Amino acid sequence: MSKQASSDERATTAGLLTSPLRLAILERLLDGPAIVGELVETIGAEQAVVSKQLGILRDAGLIACEPQGRCRSYALTHARRTRSLIAALDAITEARTPAPTSDTSPKPSRGAPKR
């Protein structure tokens, strides 16, 4: 595999993670398999929207679908990798967040004359 192909694949995977809904689905599935109804209830999005995002994640190979009676159960294909990926995103997000600054400059007293 060439470096370019590897970069392209990483960019494609990163693009999949630009959807807050897809990230929420992946995070929920870290707790174990779920059917669409459970995901809809947990995430709070409409069933059609969740189903569409599940299809995108399934087509990308990040999740698998298994019939479970009249329902379909969705599970992560690589839970450990997904957990590491989400942890990396958390670390990057934290690094991008500016540290709070403490204002140590003296504050003028109420009766101080203005200059």
PDB file of N, CA and C in Angstrom:
ATOM      1  N   MET A   1       0.843  -1.178   0.000  1.00  0.00           N
ATOM      2  CA  MET A   1       0.000   0.000   0.000  1.00  0.00           C
ATOM      3  C   MET A   1       0.888   1.241   0.000  1.00  0.00           C
ATOM      4  N   SER A   2       0.609   2.169  -0.891  1.00  0.00           N
ATOM      5  CA  SER A   2       1.416   3.381  -0.972  1.00  0.00           C
ATOM      6  C   SER A   2       1.015   4.349   0.130  1.00  0.00           C
ATOM      7  N   LYS A   3       1.911   5.312   0.404  1.00  0.00           N
ATOM      8  CA  LYS A   3       1.590   6.311   1.417  1.00  0.00           C
ATOM      9  C   LYS A   3       0.360   7.114   1.017  1.00  0.00           C
ATOM     10  N   GLN A   4       0.221   7.397  -0.278  1.00  0.00           N
ATOM     11  CA  GLN A   4      -0.931   8.169  -0.744  1.00  0.00           C
ATOM     12  C   GLN A   4      -2.232   7.410  -0.500  1.00  0.00           C
ATOM     13  N   ALA A   5      -2.240   6.111  -0.811  1.00  0.00           N
ATOM     14  CA  ALA A   5      -3.446   5.308  -0.583  1.00  0.00           C
ATOM     15  C   ALA A   5      -3.787   5.293   0.901  1.00  0.00           C
ATOM     16  N   SER A   6      -2.788   5.173   1.735  1.00  0.00           N
ATOM     17  CA  SER A   6      -3.007   5.174   3.167  1.00  0.00           C
ATOM     18  C   SER A   6      -3.581   6.515   3.622  1.00  0.00           C
ATOM     19  N   SER A   7      -3.055   7.603   3.093  1.00  0.00           N
ATOM     20  CA  SER A   7      -3.568   8.932   3.433  1.00  0.00           C
ATOM     21  C   SER A   7      -5.003   9.097   2.958  1.00  0.00           C
ATOM     22  N   ASP A   8      -5.291   8.594   1.766  1.00  0.00           N
ATOM     23  CA  ASP A   8      -6.657   8.672   1.242  1.00  0.00           C
ATOM     24  C   ASP A   8      -7.624   7.899   2.132  1.00  0.00           C
ATOM     25  N   GLU A   9      -7.217   6.723   2.551  1.00  0.00           N
ATOM     26  CA  GLU A   9      -8.075   5.915   3.415  1.00  0.00           C
ATOM     27  C   GLU A   9      -8.299   6.594   4.760  1.00  0.00           C
ATOM     28  N   ARG A  10      -7.256   7.184   5.307  1.00  0.00           N
ATOM     29  CA  ARG A  10      -7.411   7.899   6.581  1.00  0.00           C
ATOM     30  C   ARG A  10      -8.338   9.088   6.423  1.00  0.00           C
ATOM     31  N   ALA A  11      -8.208   9.804   5.314  1.00  0.00           N
ATOM     32  CA  ALA A  11      -9.076  10.960   5.071  1.00  0.00           C
ATOM     33  C   ALA A  11     -10.534  10.521   4.934  1.00  0.00           C
ATOM     34  N   THR A  12     -10.761   9.397   4.275  1.00  0.00           N
ATOM     35  CA  THR A  12     -12.119   8.876   4.138  1.00  0.00           C
ATOM     36  C   THR A  12     -12.698   8.522   5.504  1.00  0.00           C
ATOM     37  N   THR A  13     -11.907   7.859   6.329  1.00  0.00           N
ATOM     38  CA  THR A  13     -12.366   7.506   7.675  1.00  0.00           C
ATOM     39  C   THR A  13     -12.620   8.756   8.500  1.00  0.00           C
ATOM     40  N   ALA A  14     -11.729   9.725   8.420  1.00  0.00           N
ATOM     41  CA  ALA A  14     -11.923  10.974   9.157  1.00  0.00           C
ATOM     42  C   ALA A  14     -13.209  11.657   8.711  1.00  0.00           C
ATOM     43  N   GLY A  15     -13.504  11.599   7.426  1.00  0.00           N
ATOM     44  CA  GLY A  15     -14.739  12.191   6.914  1.00  0.00           C
ATOM     45  C   GLY A  15     -15.975  11.540   7.506  1.00  0.00           C
ATOM     46  N   LEU A  16     -15.902  10.249   7.762  1.00  0.00           N
ATOM     47  CA  LEU A  16     -17.031   9.553   8.380  1.00  0.00           C
ATOM     48  C   LEU A  16     -17.310  10.076   9.785  1.00  0.00           C
ATOM     49  N   LEU A  17     -16.281  10.599  10.422  1.00  0.00           N
ATOM     50  CA  LEU A  17     -16.413  11.039  11.806  1.00  0.00           C
ATOM     51  C   LEU A  17     -16.779  12.512  11.927  1.00  0.00           C
ATOM     52  N   THR A  18     -17.096  13.157  10.806  1.00  0.00           N
ATOM     53  CA  THR A  18     -17.475  14.571  10.861  1.00  0.00           C
ATOM     54  C   THR A  18     -18.935  14.755  11.242  1.00  0.00           C
ATOM     55  N   SER A  19     -19.678  13.690  11.314  1.00  0.00           N
ATOM     56  CA  SER A  19     -21.091  13.755  11.686  1.00  0.00           C
ATOM     57  C   SER A  19     -21.244  13.491  13.185  1.00  0.00           C
ATOM     58  N   PRO A  20     -21.782  14.462  13.927  1.00  0.00           N
ATOM     59  CA  PRO A  20     -22.019  14.221  15.354  1.00  0.00           C
ATOM     60  C   PRO A  20     -22.932  13.013  15.593  1.00  0.00           C
ATOM     61  N   LEU A  21     -23.880  12.790  14.694  1.00  0.00           N
ATOM     62  CA  LEU A  21     -24.785  11.651  14.846  1.00  0.00           C
ATOM     63  C   LEU A  21     -24.041  10.326  14.681  1.00  0.00           C
ATOM     64  N   ARG A  22     -23.160  10.242  13.691  1.00  0.00           N
ATOM     65  CA  ARG A  22     -22.389   9.008  13.510  1.00  0.00           C
ATOM     66  C   ARG A  22     -21.472   8.767  14.707  1.00  0.00           C
ATOM     67  N   LEU A  23     -20.876   9.830  15.228  1.00  0.00           N
ATOM     68  CA  LEU A  23     -20.037   9.673  16.426  1.00  0.00           C
ATOM     69  C   LEU A  23     -20.873   9.191  17.606  1.00  0.00           C
ATOM     70  N   ALA A  24     -22.073   9.741  17.761  1.00  0.00           N
ATOM     71  CA  ALA A  24     -22.952   9.317  18.857  1.00  0.00           C
ATOM     72  C   ALA A  24     -23.318   7.841  18.718  1.00  0.00           C
ATOM     73  N   ILE A  25     -23.571   7.405  17.501  1.00  0.00           N
ATOM     74  CA  ILE A  25     -23.881   5.988  17.261  1.00  0.00           C
ATOM     75  C   ILE A  25     -22.687   5.122  17.654  1.00  0.00           C
ATOM     76  N   LEU A  26     -21.498   5.497  17.199  1.00  0.00           N
ATOM     77  CA  LEU A  26     -20.300   4.715  17.526  1.00  0.00           C
ATOM     78  C   LEU A  26     -20.070   4.675  19.033  1.00  0.00           C
ATOM     79  N   GLU A  27     -20.244   5.821  19.692  1.00  0.00           N
ATOM     80  CA  GLU A  27     -20.049   5.863  21.143  1.00  0.00           C
ATOM     81  C   GLU A  27     -21.058   4.965  21.853  1.00  0.00           C
ATOM     82  N   ARG A  28     -22.303   4.982  21.404  1.00  0.00           N
ATOM     83  CA  ARG A  28     -23.317   4.112  22.020  1.00  0.00           C
ATOM     84  C   ARG A  28     -22.964   2.645  21.811  1.00  0.00           C
ATOM     85  N   LEU A  29     -22.496   2.303  20.607  1.00  0.00           N
ATOM     86  CA  LEU A  29     -22.175   0.908  20.308  1.00  0.00           C
ATOM     87  C   LEU A  29     -20.938   0.420  21.060  1.00  0.00           C
ATOM     88  N   LEU A  30     -20.157   1.338  21.629  1.00  0.00           N
ATOM     89  CA  LEU A  30     -19.050   0.915  22.494  1.00  0.00           C
ATOM     90  C   LEU A  30     -19.579   0.161  23.712  1.00  0.00           C
ATOM     91  N   ASP A  31     -20.831   0.443  24.097  1.00  0.00           N
ATOM     92  CA  ASP A  31     -21.450  -0.240  25.241  1.00  0.00           C
ATOM     93  C   ASP A  31     -22.011  -1.605  24.865  1.00  0.00           C
ATOM     94  N   GLY A  32     -22.021  -1.922  23.572  1.00  0.00           N
ATOM     95  CA  GLY A  32     -22.525  -3.208  23.118  1.00  0.00           C
ATOM     96  C   GLY A  32     -23.512  -3.044  21.981  1.00  0.00           C
ATOM     97  N   PRO A  33     -23.905  -4.159  21.369  1.00  0.00           N
ATOM     98  CA  PRO A  33     -24.824  -4.111  20.234  1.00  0.00           C
ATOM     99  C   PRO A  33     -26.157  -3.460  20.603  1.00  0.00           C
ATOM    100  N   ALA A  34     -26.816  -2.917  19.588  1.00  0.00           N
ATOM    101  CA  ALA A  34     -28.115  -2.273  19.803  1.00  0.00           C
ATOM    102  C   ALA A  34     -28.951  -2.394  18.543  1.00  0.00           C
ATOM    103  N   ILE A  35     -30.263  -2.415  18.737  1.00  0.00           N
ATOM    104  CA  ILE A  35     -31.169  -2.372  17.595  1.00  0.00           C
ATOM    105  C   ILE A  35     -31.497  -0.907  17.318  1.00  0.00           C
ATOM    106  N   VAL A  36     -32.065  -0.650  16.149  1.00  0.00           N
ATOM    107  CA  VAL A  36     -32.325   0.731  15.731  1.00  0.00           C
ATOM    108  C   VAL A  36     -33.163   1.478  16.768  1.00  0.00           C
ATOM    109  N   GLY A  37     -34.197   0.834  17.281  1.00  0.00           N
ATOM    110  CA  GLY A  37     -35.066   1.491  18.264  1.00  0.00           C
ATOM    111  C   GLY A  37     -34.307   1.972  19.486  1.00  0.00           C
ATOM    112  N   GLU A  38     -33.358   1.180  19.953  1.00  0.00           N
ATOM    113  CA  GLU A  38     -32.544   1.583  21.105  1.00  0.00           C
ATOM    114  C   GLU A  38     -31.672   2.783  20.756  1.00  0.00           C
ATOM    115  N   LEU A  39     -31.121   2.767  19.556  1.00  0.00           N
ATOM    116  CA  LEU A  39     -30.274   3.888  19.130  1.00  0.00           C
ATOM    117  C   LEU A  39     -31.097   5.157  18.991  1.00  0.00           C
ATOM    118  N   VAL A  40     -32.293   5.040  18.424  1.00  0.00           N
ATOM    119  CA  VAL A  40     -33.180   6.198  18.270  1.00  0.00           C
ATOM    120  C   VAL A  40     -33.493   6.790  19.640  1.00  0.00           C
ATOM    121  N   GLU A  41     -33.822   5.922  20.595  1.00  0.00           N
ATOM    122  CA  GLU A  41     -34.158   6.376  21.940  1.00  0.00           C
ATOM    123  C   GLU A  41     -32.965   7.036  22.630  1.00  0.00           C
ATOM    124  N   THR A  42     -31.803   6.425  22.518  1.00  0.00           N
ATOM    125  CA  THR A  42     -30.602   6.941  23.176  1.00  0.00           C
ATOM    126  C   THR A  42     -30.133   8.252  22.560  1.00  0.00           C
ATOM    127  N   ILE A  43     -30.127   8.306  21.237  1.00  0.00           N
ATOM    128  CA  ILE A  43     -29.555   9.452  20.532  1.00  0.00           C
ATOM    129  C   ILE A  43     -30.563  10.578  20.361  1.00  0.00           C
ATOM    130  N   GLY A  44     -31.837  10.222  20.236  1.00  0.00           N
ATOM    131  CA  GLY A  44     -32.869  11.240  20.113  1.00  0.00           C
ATOM    132  C   GLY A  44     -33.094  11.751  18.703  1.00  0.00           C
ATOM    133  N   ALA A  45     -32.679  11.002  17.708  1.00  0.00           N
ATOM    134  CA  ALA A  45     -32.914  11.389  16.310  1.00  0.00           C
ATOM    135  C   ALA A  45     -34.021  10.498  15.742  1.00  0.00           C
ATOM    136  N   GLU A  46     -34.572  10.911  14.620  1.00  0.00           N
ATOM    137  CA  GLU A  46     -35.629  10.132  13.984  1.00  0.00           C
ATOM    138  C   GLU A  46     -35.067   8.826  13.432  1.00  0.00           C
ATOM    139  N   GLN A  47     -35.934   7.809  13.370  1.00  0.00           N
ATOM    140  CA  GLN A  47     -35.496   6.482  12.937  1.00  0.00           C
ATOM    141  C   GLN A  47     -34.902   6.499  11.536  1.00  0.00           C
ATOM    142  N   ALA A  48     -35.515   7.225  10.615  1.00  0.00           N
ATOM    143  CA  ALA A  48     -35.000   7.259   9.236  1.00  0.00           C
ATOM    144  C   ALA A  48     -33.591   7.848   9.193  1.00  0.00           C
ATOM    145  N   VAL A  49     -33.353   8.860  10.002  1.00  0.00           N
ATOM    146  CA  VAL A  49     -32.037   9.511  10.040  1.00  0.00           C
ATOM    147  C   VAL A  49     -30.997   8.555  10.626  1.00  0.00           C
ATOM    148  N   VAL A  50     -31.353   7.902  11.721  1.00  0.00           N
ATOM    149  CA  VAL A  50     -30.435   6.947  12.348  1.00  0.00           C
ATOM    150  C   VAL A  50     -30.146   5.795  11.387  1.00  0.00           C
ATOM    151  N   SER A  51     -31.186   5.286  10.731  1.00  0.00           N
ATOM    152  CA  SER A  51     -31.003   4.171   9.790  1.00  0.00           C
ATOM    153  C   SER A  51     -30.063   4.548   8.650  1.00  0.00           C
ATOM    154  N   LYS A  52     -30.196   5.765   8.150  1.00  0.00           N
ATOM    155  CA  LYS A  52     -29.313   6.214   7.063  1.00  0.00           C
ATOM    156  C   LYS A  52     -27.859   6.243   7.535  1.00  0.00           C
ATOM    157  N   GLN A  53     -27.632   6.771   8.726  1.00  0.00           N
ATOM    158  CA  GLN A  53     -26.270   6.855   9.255  1.00  0.00           C
ATOM    159  C   GLN A  53     -25.706   5.467   9.548  1.00  0.00           C
ATOM    160  N   LEU A  54     -26.555   4.558   9.997  1.00  0.00           N
ATOM    161  CA  LEU A  54     -26.116   3.176  10.210  1.00  0.00           C
ATOM    162  C   LEU A  54     -25.664   2.553   8.896  1.00  0.00           C
ATOM    163  N   GLY A  55     -26.383   2.837   7.826  1.00  0.00           N
ATOM    164  CA  GLY A  55     -25.998   2.323   6.512  1.00  0.00           C
ATOM    165  C   GLY A  55     -24.639   2.838   6.078  1.00  0.00           C
ATOM    166  N   ILE A  56     -24.383   4.109   6.332  1.00  0.00           N
ATOM    167  CA  ILE A  56     -23.088   4.704   5.977  1.00  0.00           C
ATOM    168  C   ILE A  56     -21.966   4.031   6.773  1.00  0.00           C
ATOM    169  N   LEU A  57     -22.186   3.863   8.071  1.00  0.00           N
ATOM    170  CA  LEU A  57     -21.168   3.226   8.920  1.00  0.00           C
ATOM    171  C   LEU A  57     -20.969   1.759   8.543  1.00  0.00           C
ATOM    172  N   ARG A  58     -22.058   1.084   8.183  1.00  0.00           N
ATOM    173  CA  ARG A  58     -21.964  -0.325   7.769  1.00  0.00           C
ATOM    174  C   ARG A  58     -21.203  -0.443   6.452  1.00  0.00           C
ATOM    175  N   ASP A  59     -21.535   0.413   5.483  1.00  0.00           N
ATOM    176  CA  ASP A  59     -20.845   0.382   4.187  1.00  0.00           C
ATOM    177  C   ASP A  59     -19.349   0.659   4.338  1.00  0.00           C
ATOM    178  N   ALA A  60     -18.991   1.451   5.350  1.00  0.00           N
ATOM    179  CA  ALA A  60     -17.582   1.771   5.591  1.00  0.00           C
ATOM    180  C   ALA A  60     -16.868   0.664   6.368  1.00  0.00           C
ATOM    181  N   GLY A  61     -17.624  -0.316   6.845  1.00  0.00           N
ATOM    182  CA  GLY A  61     -17.020  -1.420   7.577  1.00  0.00           C
ATOM    183  C   GLY A  61     -16.781  -1.149   9.050  1.00  0.00           C
ATOM    184  N   LEU A  62     -17.323  -0.034   9.568  1.00  0.00           N
ATOM    185  CA  LEU A  62     -17.117   0.284  10.978  1.00  0.00           C
ATOM    186  C   LEU A  62     -18.079  -0.465  11.888  1.00  0.00           C
ATOM    187  N   ILE A  63     -19.241  -0.839  11.349  1.00  0.00           N
ATOM    188  CA  ILE A  63     -20.214  -1.604  12.119  1.00  0.00           C
ATOM    189  C   ILE A  63     -20.711  -2.774  11.275  1.00  0.00           C
ATOM    190  N   ALA A  64     -21.292  -3.744  11.953  1.00  0.00           N
ATOM    191  CA  ALA A  64     -21.891  -4.900  11.283  1.00  0.00           C
ATOM    192  C   ALA A  64     -23.346  -5.001  11.713  1.00  0.00           C
ATOM    193  N   CYS A  65     -24.144  -5.589  10.858  1.00  0.00           N
ATOM    194  CA  CYS A  65     -25.567  -5.745  11.107  1.00  0.00           C
ATOM    195  C   CYS A  65     -25.905  -7.230  11.114  1.00  0.00           C
ATOM    196  N   GLU A  66     -26.663  -7.641  12.112  1.00  0.00           N
ATOM    197  CA  GLU A  66     -27.046  -9.046  12.214  1.00  0.00           C
ATOM    198  C   GLU A  66     -28.540  -9.125  12.509  1.00  0.00           C
ATOM    199  N   PRO A  67     -29.283  -9.901  11.709  1.00  0.00           N
ATOM    200  CA  PRO A  67     -30.716 -10.050  11.983  1.00  0.00           C
ATOM    201  C   PRO A  67     -30.943 -10.642  13.375  1.00  0.00           C
ATOM    202  N   GLN A  68     -31.924 -10.077  14.064  1.00  0.00           N
ATOM    203  CA  GLN A  68     -32.266 -10.551  15.406  1.00  0.00           C
ATOM    204  C   GLN A  68     -33.794 -10.594  15.475  1.00  0.00           C
ATOM    205  N   GLY A  69     -34.356 -11.702  15.026  1.00  0.00           N
ATOM    206  CA  GLY A  69     -35.811 -11.788  14.924  1.00  0.00           C
ATOM    207  C   GLY A  69     -36.286 -10.851  13.828  1.00  0.00           C
ATOM    208  N   ARG A  70     -37.244  -9.989  14.162  1.00  0.00           N
ATOM    209  CA  ARG A  70     -37.751  -9.019  13.189  1.00  0.00           C
ATOM    210  C   ARG A  70     -36.900  -7.750  13.151  1.00  0.00           C
ATOM    211  N   CYS A  71     -35.940  -7.659  14.028  1.00  0.00           N
ATOM    212  CA  CYS A  71     -35.083  -6.468  14.110  1.00  0.00           C
ATOM    213  C   CYS A  71     -33.690  -6.792  13.583  1.00  0.00           C
ATOM    214  N   ARG A  72     -32.900  -5.750  13.505  1.00  0.00           N
ATOM    215  CA  ARG A  72     -31.484  -5.908  13.154  1.00  0.00           C
ATOM    216  C   ARG A  72     -30.658  -5.325  14.287  1.00  0.00           C
ATOM    217  N   SER A  73     -29.660  -6.073  14.675  1.00  0.00           N
ATOM    218  CA  SER A  73     -28.771  -5.634  15.736  1.00  0.00           C
ATOM    219  C   SER A  73     -27.477  -5.117  15.110  1.00  0.00           C
ATOM    220  N   TYR A  74     -27.038  -3.970  15.579  1.00  0.00           N
ATOM    221  CA  TYR A  74     -25.815  -3.348  15.065  1.00  0.00           C
ATOM    222  C   TYR A  74     -24.730  -3.415  16.129  1.00  0.00           C
ATOM    223  N   ALA A  75     -23.512  -3.704  15.681  1.00  0.00           N
ATOM    224  CA  ALA A  75     -22.367  -3.804  16.592  1.00  0.00           C
ATOM    225  C   ALA A  75     -21.123  -3.279  15.892  1.00  0.00           C
ATOM    226  N   LEU A  76     -20.171  -2.835  16.682  1.00  0.00           N
ATOM    227  CA  LEU A  76     -18.889  -2.387  16.138  1.00  0.00           C
ATOM    228  C   LEU A  76     -18.122  -3.577  15.583  1.00  0.00           C
ATOM    229  N   THR A  77     -17.440  -3.370  14.490  1.00  0.00           N
ATOM    230  CA  THR A  77     -16.599  -4.436  13.944  1.00  0.00           C
ATOM    231  C   THR A  77     -15.250  -4.480  14.655  1.00  0.00           C
ATOM    232  N   HIS A  78     -14.790  -3.345  15.156  1.00  0.00           N
ATOM    233  CA  HIS A  78     -13.500  -3.254  15.846  1.00  0.00           C
ATOM    234  C   HIS A  78     -13.658  -2.321  17.047  1.00  0.00           C
ATOM    235  N   ALA A  79     -14.213  -2.831  18.133  1.00  0.00           N
ATOM    236  CA  ALA A  79     -14.500  -1.997  19.301  1.00  0.00           C
ATOM    237  C   ALA A  79     -13.239  -1.336  19.862  1.00  0.00           C
ATOM    238  N   ARG A  80     -12.152  -2.084  19.961  1.00  0.00           N
ATOM    239  CA  ARG A  80     -10.923  -1.524  20.535  1.00  0.00           C
ATOM    240  C   ARG A  80     -10.402  -0.369  19.680  1.00  0.00           C
ATOM    241  N   ARG A  81     -10.418  -0.546  18.372  1.00  0.00           N
ATOM    242  CA  ARG A  81      -9.950   0.523  17.473  1.00  0.00           C
ATOM    243  C   ARG A  81     -10.872   1.735  17.551  1.00  0.00           C
ATOM    244  N   THR A  82     -12.168   1.484  17.623  1.00  0.00           N
ATOM    245  CA  THR A  82     -13.121   2.595  17.712  1.00  0.00           C
ATOM    246  C   THR A  82     -12.910   3.363  19.007  1.00  0.00           C
ATOM    247  N   ARG A  83     -12.708   2.646  20.100  1.00  0.00           N
ATOM    248  CA  ARG A  83     -12.458   3.301  21.390  1.00  0.00           C
ATOM    249  C   ARG A  83     -11.183   4.151  21.310  1.00  0.00           C
ATOM    250  N   SER A  84     -10.138   3.621  20.687  1.00  0.00           N
ATOM    251  CA  SER A  84      -8.884   4.371  20.527  1.00  0.00           C
ATOM    252  C   SER A  84      -9.088   5.598  19.651  1.00  0.00           C
ATOM    253  N   LEU A  85      -9.863   5.447  18.603  1.00  0.00           N
ATOM    254  CA  LEU A  85     -10.130   6.559  17.696  1.00  0.00           C
ATOM    255  C   LEU A  85     -10.884   7.676  18.408  1.00  0.00           C
ATOM    256  N   ILE A  86     -11.892   7.318  19.180  1.00  0.00           N
ATOM    257  CA  ILE A  86     -12.657   8.327  19.919  1.00  0.00           C
ATOM    258  C   ILE A  86     -11.780   8.977  20.985  1.00  0.00           C
ATOM    259  N   ALA A  87     -10.924   8.204  21.633  1.00  0.00           N
ATOM    260  CA  ALA A  87      -9.995   8.770  22.618  1.00  0.00           C
ATOM    261  C   ALA A  87      -9.041   9.753  21.950  1.00  0.00           C
ATOM    262  N   ALA A  88      -8.576   9.419  20.744  1.00  0.00           N
ATOM    263  CA  ALA A  88      -7.694  10.336  20.005  1.00  0.00           C
ATOM    264  C   ALA A  88      -8.436  11.622  19.656  1.00  0.00           C
ATOM    265  N   LEU A  89      -9.688  11.504  19.234  1.00  0.00           N
ATOM    266  CA  LEU A  89     -10.480  12.704  18.933  1.00  0.00           C
ATOM    267  C   LEU A  89     -10.668  13.555  20.181  1.00  0.00           C
ATOM    268  N   ASP A  90     -10.913  12.913  21.324  1.00  0.00           N
ATOM    269  CA  ASP A  90     -11.043  13.646  22.586  1.00  0.00           C
ATOM    270  C   ASP A  90      -9.749  14.390  22.914  1.00  0.00           C
ATOM    271  N   ALA A  91      -8.609  13.728  22.727  1.00  0.00           N
ATOM    272  CA  ALA A  91      -7.317  14.355  23.023  1.00  0.00           C
ATOM    273  C   ALA A  91      -7.057  15.541  22.100  1.00  0.00           C
ATOM    274  N   ILE A  92      -7.382  15.387  20.827  1.00  0.00           N
ATOM    275  CA  ILE A  92      -7.191  16.486  19.874  1.00  0.00           C
ATOM    276  C   ILE A  92      -8.108  17.648  20.224  1.00  0.00           C
ATOM    277  N   THR A  93      -9.352  17.341  20.562  1.00  0.00           N
ATOM    278  CA  THR A  93     -10.310  18.386  20.934  1.00  0.00           C
ATOM    279  C   THR A  93      -9.834  19.126  22.172  1.00  0.00           C
ATOM    280  N   GLU A  94      -9.355  18.375  23.153  1.00  0.00           N
ATOM    281  CA  GLU A  94      -8.856  18.986  24.379  1.00  0.00           C
ATOM    282  C   GLU A  94      -7.639  19.871  24.091  1.00  0.00           C
ATOM    283  N   ALA A  95      -6.760  19.420  23.216  1.00  0.00           N
ATOM    284  CA  ALA A  95      -5.566  20.193  22.878  1.00  0.00           C
ATOM    285  C   ALA A  95      -5.927  21.483  22.149  1.00  0.00           C
ATOM    286  N   ARG A  96      -7.017  21.461  21.393  1.00  0.00           N
ATOM    287  CA  ARG A  96      -7.441  22.653  20.649  1.00  0.00           C
ATOM    288  C   ARG A  96      -8.152  23.662  21.540  1.00  0.00           C
ATOM    289  N   THR A  97      -8.647  23.230  22.682  1.00  0.00           N
ATOM    290  CA  THR A  97      -9.377  24.112  23.579  1.00  0.00           C
ATOM    291  C   THR A  97      -8.378  24.939  24.371  1.00  0.00           C
ATOM    292  N   PRO A  98      -8.472  26.263  24.263  1.00  0.00           N
ATOM    293  CA  PRO A  98      -7.522  27.095  25.007  1.00  0.00           C
ATOM    294  C   PRO A  98      -7.681  26.894  26.513  1.00  0.00           C
ATOM    295  N   ALA A  99      -6.557  26.872  27.191  1.00  0.00           N
ATOM    296  CA  ALA A  99      -6.584  26.747  28.646  1.00  0.00           C
ATOM    297  C   ALA A  99      -7.172  28.019  29.233  1.00  0.00           C
ATOM    298  N   PRO A 100      -7.932  27.887  30.304  1.00  0.00           N
ATOM    299  CA  PRO A 100      -8.491  29.088  30.922  1.00  0.00           C
ATOM    300  C   PRO A 100      -7.369  29.986  31.428  1.00  0.00           C
ATOM    301  N   THR A 101      -7.537  31.265  31.224  1.00  0.00           N
ATOM    302  CA  THR A 101      -6.530  32.215  31.702  1.00  0.00           C
ATOM    303  C   THR A 101      -7.020  32.805  33.010  1.00  0.00           C
ATOM    304  N   SER A 102      -6.100  32.945  33.934  1.00  0.00           N
ATOM    305  CA  SER A 102      -6.470  33.575  35.197  1.00  0.00           C
ATOM    306  C   SER A 102      -6.056  35.031  35.110  1.00  0.00           C
ATOM    307  N   ASP A 103      -6.976  35.885  35.412  1.00  0.00           N
ATOM    308  CA  ASP A 103      -6.707  37.316  35.361  1.00  0.00           C
ATOM    309  C   ASP A 103      -6.041  37.710  36.667  1.00  0.00           C
ATOM    310  N   THR A 104      -4.737  37.923  36.614  1.00  0.00           N
ATOM    311  CA  THR A 104      -3.986  38.263  37.823  1.00  0.00           C
ATOM    312  C   THR A 104      -3.702  39.752  37.919  1.00  0.00           C
ATOM    313  N   SER A 105      -4.211  40.536  36.947  1.00  0.00           N
ATOM    314  CA  SER A 105      -3.966  41.977  37.017  1.00  0.00           C
ATOM    315  C   SER A 105      -4.801  42.572  38.143  1.00  0.00           C
ATOM    316  N   PRO A 106      -4.230  43.553  38.838  1.00  0.00           N
ATOM    317  CA  PRO A 106      -4.967  44.150  39.959  1.00  0.00           C
ATOM    318  C   PRO A 106      -6.217  44.863  39.453  1.00  0.00           C
ATOM    319  N   LYS A 107      -7.279  44.706  40.202  1.00  0.00           N
ATOM    320  CA  LYS A 107      -8.530  45.358  39.849  1.00  0.00           C
ATOM    321  C   LYS A 107      -8.599  46.685  40.593  1.00  0.00           C
ATOM    322  N   PRO A 108      -9.073  47.728  39.911  1.00  0.00           N
ATOM    323  CA  PRO A 108      -9.155  49.025  40.601  1.00  0.00           C
ATOM    324  C   PRO A 108     -10.200  48.964  41.703  1.00  0.00           C
ATOM    325  N   SER A 109      -9.903  49.681  42.792  1.00  0.00           N
ATOM    326  CA  SER A 109     -10.886  49.735  43.874  1.00  0.00           C
ATOM    327  C   SER A 109     -12.026  50.640  43.438  1.00  0.00           C
ATOM    328  N   ARG A 110     -13.150  50.521  44.109  1.00  0.00           N
ATOM    329  CA  ARG A 110     -14.343  51.278  43.709  1.00  0.00           C
ATOM    330  C   ARG A 110     -14.114  52.786  43.754  1.00  0.00           C
ATOM    331  N   GLY A 111     -13.362  53.229  44.714  1.00  0.00           N
ATOM    332  CA  GLY A 111     -13.173  54.661  44.867  1.00  0.00           C
ATOM    333  C   GLY A 111     -11.963  55.207  44.127  1.00  0.00           C
ATOM    334  N   ALA A 112     -11.275  54.393  43.395  1.00  0.00           N
ATOM    335  CA  ALA A 112     -10.057  54.834  42.715  1.00  0.00           C
ATOM    336  C   ALA A 112     -10.407  55.792  41.591  1.00  0.00           C
ATOM    337  N   PRO A 113      -9.617  56.855  41.457  1.00  0.00           N
ATOM    338  CA  PRO A 113      -9.885  57.803  40.370  1.00  0.00           C
ATOM    339  C   PRO A 113      -9.584  57.167  39.019  1.00  0.00           C
ATOM    340  N   LYS A 114     -10.365  57.529  38.029  1.00  0.00           N
ATOM    341  CA  LYS A 114     -10.145  57.034  36.676  1.00  0.00           C
ATOM    342  C   LYS A 114      -9.099  57.878  36.008  1.00  0.00           C
ATOM    343  N   ARG A 115      -8.268  57.283  35.211  1.00  0.00           N
ATOM    344  CA  ARG A 115      -7.211  58.022  34.519  1.00  0.00           C
ATOM    345  C   ARG A 115      -7.576  58.267  33.111  1.00  0.00           C
TER     346      ARG A 115
END
